[in-house]
């Protein structure tokens, strides 16, 4: 059964990221991700804007 995972990126990480297909994302819990799972990447940029994407 596919699972969803949530990971937070600091705004400065998002500012330098070239968007498109992400080759990887690091995180302490991401070793549990399996094919078919969804990883949601979120951040909060001033003033209070929530941004998210998934891979």
PDB file of N, CA and C in Angstrom:
ATOM      1  N   UNK A   1       0.834  -1.177   0.000  1.00  0.00           N
ATOM      2  CA  UNK A   1       0.000   0.000   0.000  1.00  0.00           C
ATOM      3  C   UNK A   1       0.884   1.248   0.000  1.00  0.00           C
ATOM      4  N   UNK A   2       0.617   2.165  -0.917  1.00  0.00           N
ATOM      5  CA  UNK A   2       1.418   3.392  -1.026  1.00  0.00           C
ATOM      6  C   UNK A   2       1.212   4.278   0.205  1.00  0.00           C
ATOM      7  N   UNK A   3       2.279   4.954   0.609  1.00  0.00           N
ATOM      8  CA  UNK A   3       2.246   5.831   1.780  1.00  0.00           C
ATOM      9  C   UNK A   3       2.646   7.235   1.362  1.00  0.00           C
ATOM     10  N   UNK A   4       2.277   8.213   2.188  1.00  0.00           N
ATOM     11  CA  UNK A   4       2.684   9.603   2.001  1.00  0.00           C
ATOM     12  C   UNK A   4       3.671   9.979   3.089  1.00  0.00           C
ATOM     13  N   UNK A   5       4.699  10.743   2.706  1.00  0.00           N
ATOM     14  CA  UNK A   5       5.697  11.237   3.641  1.00  0.00           C
ATOM     15  C   UNK A   5       5.792  12.739   3.491  1.00  0.00           C
ATOM     16  N   UNK A   6       6.066  13.430   4.587  1.00  0.00           N
ATOM     17  CA  UNK A   6       6.165  14.882   4.598  1.00  0.00           C
ATOM     18  C   UNK A   6       7.564  15.282   5.049  1.00  0.00           C
ATOM     19  N   UNK A   7       8.201  16.163   4.277  1.00  0.00           N
ATOM     20  CA  UNK A   7       9.516  16.659   4.653  1.00  0.00           C
ATOM     21  C   UNK A   7       9.521  18.172   4.511  1.00  0.00           C
ATOM     22  N   UNK A   8      10.238  18.844   5.383  1.00  0.00           N
ATOM     23  CA  UNK A   8      10.293  20.302   5.399  1.00  0.00           C
ATOM     24  C   UNK A   8      11.634  20.781   4.853  1.00  0.00           C
ATOM     25  N   UNK A   9      11.584  21.768   3.953  1.00  0.00           N
ATOM     26  CA  UNK A   9      12.789  22.448   3.479  1.00  0.00           C
ATOM     27  C   UNK A   9      12.766  23.873   3.975  1.00  0.00           C
ATOM     28  N   UNK A  10      13.907  24.363   4.458  1.00  0.00           N
ATOM     29  CA  UNK A  10      14.012  25.761   4.853  1.00  0.00           C
ATOM     30  C   UNK A  10      13.857  26.646   3.614  1.00  0.00           C
ATOM     31  N   UNK A  11      13.308  27.859   3.769  1.00  0.00           N
ATOM     32  CA  UNK A  11      13.105  28.740   2.613  1.00  0.00           C
ATOM     33  C   UNK A  11      14.372  28.993   1.798  1.00  0.00           C
ATOM     34  N   UNK A  12      15.520  29.085   2.443  1.00  0.00           N
ATOM     35  CA  UNK A  12      16.759  29.328   1.692  1.00  0.00           C
ATOM     36  C   UNK A  12      17.136  28.140   0.808  1.00  0.00           C
ATOM     37  N   UNK A  13      16.733  26.946   1.193  1.00  0.00           N
ATOM     38  CA  UNK A  13      16.958  25.762   0.352  1.00  0.00           C
ATOM     39  C   UNK A  13      16.092  25.836  -0.896  1.00  0.00           C
ATOM     40  N   UNK A  14      14.856  26.256  -0.740  1.00  0.00           N
ATOM     41  CA  UNK A  14      13.945  26.377  -1.868  1.00  0.00           C
ATOM     42  C   UNK A  14      14.425  27.460  -2.824  1.00  0.00           C
ATOM     43  N   UNK A  15      14.956  28.561  -2.299  1.00  0.00           N
ATOM     44  CA  UNK A  15      15.411  29.682  -3.129  1.00  0.00           C
ATOM     45  C   UNK A  15      16.499  29.271  -4.105  1.00  0.00           C
ATOM     46  N   UNK A  16      17.360  28.320  -3.746  1.00  0.00           N
ATOM     47  CA  UNK A  16      18.469  27.935  -4.620  1.00  0.00           C
ATOM     48  C   UNK A  16      18.167  26.679  -5.428  1.00  0.00           C
ATOM     49  N   UNK A  17      17.029  26.045  -5.184  1.00  0.00           N
ATOM     50  CA  UNK A  17      16.678  24.805  -5.877  1.00  0.00           C
ATOM     51  C   UNK A  17      16.231  25.097  -7.306  1.00  0.00           C
ATOM     52  N   UNK A  18      16.792  24.372  -8.260  1.00  0.00           N
ATOM     53  CA  UNK A  18      16.301  24.422  -9.631  1.00  0.00           C
ATOM     54  C   UNK A  18      15.147  23.444  -9.728  1.00  0.00           C
ATOM     55  N   UNK A  19      13.952  23.951 -10.062  1.00  0.00           N
ATOM     56  CA  UNK A  19      12.778  23.097 -10.072  1.00  0.00           C
ATOM     57  C   UNK A  19      12.703  22.279 -11.340  1.00  0.00           C
ATOM     58  N   UNK A  20      12.113  21.179 -11.237  1.00  0.00           N
ATOM     59  CA  UNK A  20      12.003  20.182 -12.279  1.00  0.00           C
ATOM     60  C   UNK A  20      12.014  18.840 -11.569  1.00  0.00           C
ATOM     61  N   UNK A  21      12.512  17.836 -12.212  1.00  0.00           N
ATOM     62  CA  UNK A  21      12.604  16.527 -11.587  1.00  0.00           C
ATOM     63  C   UNK A  21      13.731  16.532 -10.566  1.00  0.00           C
ATOM     64  N   UNK A  22      13.411  16.203  -9.329  1.00  0.00           N
ATOM     65  CA  UNK A  22      14.421  16.161  -8.270  1.00  0.00           C
ATOM     66  C   UNK A  22      15.096  14.798  -8.276  1.00  0.00           C
ATOM     67  N   UNK A  23      16.406  14.796  -8.271  1.00  0.00           N
ATOM     68  CA  UNK A  23      17.150  13.550  -8.263  1.00  0.00           C
ATOM     69  C   UNK A  23      17.173  12.883  -6.901  1.00  0.00           C
ATOM     70  N   UNK A  24      17.069  13.713  -5.847  1.00  0.00           N
ATOM     71  CA  UNK A  24      17.082  13.156  -4.498  1.00  0.00           C
ATOM     72  C   UNK A  24      16.624  14.204  -3.496  1.00  0.00           C
ATOM     73  N   UNK A  25      16.314  13.764  -2.323  1.00  0.00           N
ATOM     74  CA  UNK A  25      16.045  14.611  -1.174  1.00  0.00           C
ATOM     75  C   UNK A  25      16.490  13.825   0.047  1.00  0.00           C
ATOM     76  N   UNK A  26      17.201  14.467   0.930  1.00  0.00           N
ATOM     77  CA  UNK A  26      17.721  13.780   2.111  1.00  0.00           C
ATOM     78  C   UNK A  26      16.814  14.024   3.313  1.00  0.00           C
ATOM     79  N   UNK A  27      16.738  13.057   4.176  1.00  0.00           N
ATOM     80  CA  UNK A  27      15.968  13.198   5.396  1.00  0.00           C
ATOM     81  C   UNK A  27      16.109  11.949   6.242  1.00  0.00           C
ATOM     82  N   UNK A  28      16.004  12.122   7.533  1.00  0.00           N
ATOM     83  CA  UNK A  28      16.212  11.026   8.458  1.00  0.00           C
ATOM     84  C   UNK A  28      15.200   9.899   8.349  1.00  0.00           C
ATOM     85  N   UNK A  29      14.012  10.175   7.839  1.00  0.00           N
ATOM     86  CA  UNK A  29      12.977   9.150   7.742  1.00  0.00           C
ATOM     87  C   UNK A  29      12.785   8.626   6.321  1.00  0.00           C
ATOM     88  N   UNK A  30      13.475   9.225   5.348  1.00  0.00           N
ATOM     89  CA  UNK A  30      13.211   8.884   3.954  1.00  0.00           C
ATOM     90  C   UNK A  30      13.743   7.513   3.539  1.00  0.00           C
ATOM     91  N   UNK A  31      14.521   6.870   4.382  1.00  0.00           N
ATOM     92  CA  UNK A  31      14.983   5.514   4.053  1.00  0.00           C
ATOM     93  C   UNK A  31      13.820   4.520   4.010  1.00  0.00           C
ATOM     94  N   UNK A  32      12.676   4.936   4.542  1.00  0.00           N
ATOM     95  CA  UNK A  32      11.488   4.078   4.546  1.00  0.00           C
ATOM     96  C   UNK A  32      10.688   4.164   3.251  1.00  0.00           C
ATOM     97  N   UNK A  33      10.981   5.156   2.400  1.00  0.00           N
ATOM     98  CA  UNK A  33      10.210   5.369   1.172  1.00  0.00           C
ATOM     99  C   UNK A  33      10.451   4.234   0.185  1.00  0.00           C
ATOM    100  N   UNK A  34       9.366   3.768  -0.403  1.00  0.00           N
ATOM    101  CA  UNK A  34       9.426   2.684  -1.380  1.00  0.00           C
ATOM    102  C   UNK A  34       8.802   3.148  -2.689  1.00  0.00           C
ATOM    103  N   UNK A  35       9.093   2.457  -3.797  1.00  0.00           N
ATOM    104  CA  UNK A  35       8.466   2.826  -5.072  1.00  0.00           C
ATOM    105  C   UNK A  35       6.939   2.883  -4.927  1.00  0.00           C
ATOM    106  N   UNK A  36       6.347   3.936  -5.482  1.00  0.00           N
ATOM    107  CA  UNK A  36       4.906   4.127  -5.394  1.00  0.00           C
ATOM    108  C   UNK A  36       4.481   5.059  -4.279  1.00  0.00           C
ATOM    109  N   UNK A  37       5.365   5.316  -3.298  1.00  0.00           N
ATOM    110  CA  UNK A  37       5.070   6.252  -2.226  1.00  0.00           C
ATOM    111  C   UNK A  37       5.188   7.687  -2.753  1.00  0.00           C
ATOM    112  N   UNK A  38       4.569   8.624  -2.038  1.00  0.00           N
ATOM    113  CA  UNK A  38       4.651  10.044  -2.372  1.00  0.00           C
ATOM    114  C   UNK A  38       5.382  10.778  -1.264  1.00  0.00           C
ATOM    115  N   UNK A  39       6.366  11.602  -1.631  1.00  0.00           N
ATOM    116  CA  UNK A  39       7.084  12.447  -0.685  1.00  0.00           C
ATOM    117  C   UNK A  39       6.657  13.889  -0.950  1.00  0.00           C
ATOM    118  N   UNK A  40       6.046  14.509   0.041  1.00  0.00           N
ATOM    119  CA  UNK A  40       5.630  15.905  -0.050  1.00  0.00           C
ATOM    120  C   UNK A  40       6.721  16.772   0.550  1.00  0.00           C
ATOM    121  N   UNK A  41       7.168  17.773  -0.208  1.00  0.00           N
ATOM    122  CA  UNK A  41       8.180  18.720   0.261  1.00  0.00           C
ATOM    123  C   UNK A  41       7.476  20.046   0.491  1.00  0.00           C
ATOM    124  N   UNK A  42       7.573  20.572   1.707  1.00  0.00           N
ATOM    125  CA  UNK A  42       6.900  21.825   2.041  1.00  0.00           C
ATOM    126  C   UNK A  42       7.866  22.823   2.635  1.00  0.00           C
ATOM    127  N   UNK A  43       7.510  24.099   2.530  1.00  0.00           N
ATOM    128  CA  UNK A  43       8.239  25.179   3.178  1.00  0.00           C
ATOM    129  C   UNK A  43       7.265  26.313   3.426  1.00  0.00           C
ATOM    130  N   UNK A  44       7.664  27.261   4.229  1.00  0.00           N
ATOM    131  CA  UNK A  44       6.880  28.472   4.455  1.00  0.00           C
ATOM    132  C   UNK A  44       7.768  29.654   4.104  1.00  0.00           C
ATOM    133  N   UNK A  45       7.303  30.459   3.149  1.00  0.00           N
ATOM    134  CA  UNK A  45       8.044  31.649   2.725  1.00  0.00           C
ATOM    135  C   UNK A  45       7.287  32.877   3.193  1.00  0.00           C
ATOM    136  N   UNK A  46       8.015  33.886   3.642  1.00  0.00           N
ATOM    137  CA  UNK A  46       7.333  35.105   4.091  1.00  0.00           C
ATOM    138  C   UNK A  46       6.597  35.755   2.926  1.00  0.00           C
ATOM    139  N   UNK A  47       5.492  36.400   3.115  1.00  0.00           N
ATOM    140  CA  UNK A  47       4.763  36.444   4.393  1.00  0.00           C
ATOM    141  C   UNK A  47       3.722  35.333   4.460  1.00  0.00           C
ATOM    142  N   UNK A  48       4.013  34.297   5.200  1.00  0.00           N
ATOM    143  CA  UNK A  48       3.084  33.202   5.495  1.00  0.00           C
ATOM    144  C   UNK A  48       2.531  32.500   4.261  1.00  0.00           C
ATOM    145  N   UNK A  49       3.360  32.218   3.295  1.00  0.00           N
ATOM    146  CA  UNK A  49       2.928  31.472   2.118  1.00  0.00           C
ATOM    147  C   UNK A  49       3.414  30.036   2.253  1.00  0.00           C
ATOM    148  N   UNK A  50       2.495  29.100   2.189  1.00  0.00           N
ATOM    149  CA  UNK A  50       2.837  27.683   2.247  1.00  0.00           C
ATOM    150  C   UNK A  50       3.035  27.167   0.829  1.00  0.00           C
ATOM    151  N   UNK A  51       4.185  26.576   0.578  1.00  0.00           N
ATOM    152  CA  UNK A  51       4.493  26.005  -0.732  1.00  0.00           C
ATOM    153  C   UNK A  51       4.680  24.513  -0.565  1.00  0.00           C
ATOM    154  N   UNK A  52       4.212  23.744  -1.535  1.00  0.00           N
ATOM    155  CA  UNK A  52       4.432  22.307  -1.465  1.00  0.00           C
ATOM    156  C   UNK A  52       4.595  21.735  -2.874  1.00  0.00           C
ATOM    157  N   UNK A  53       5.277  20.620  -2.939  1.00  0.00           N
ATOM    158  CA  UNK A  53       5.420  19.852  -4.167  1.00  0.00           C
ATOM    159  C   UNK A  53       5.569  18.402  -3.754  1.00  0.00           C
ATOM    160  N   UNK A  54       5.535  17.517  -4.696  1.00  0.00           N
ATOM    161  CA  UNK A  54       5.732  16.118  -4.329  1.00  0.00           C
ATOM    162  C   UNK A  54       6.666  15.460  -5.332  1.00  0.00           C
ATOM    163  N   UNK A  55       7.319  14.401  -4.905  1.00  0.00           N
ATOM    164  CA  UNK A  55       8.136  13.598  -5.796  1.00  0.00           C
ATOM    165  C   UNK A  55       7.845  12.155  -5.555  1.00  0.00           C
TER     166      UNK A  55
END
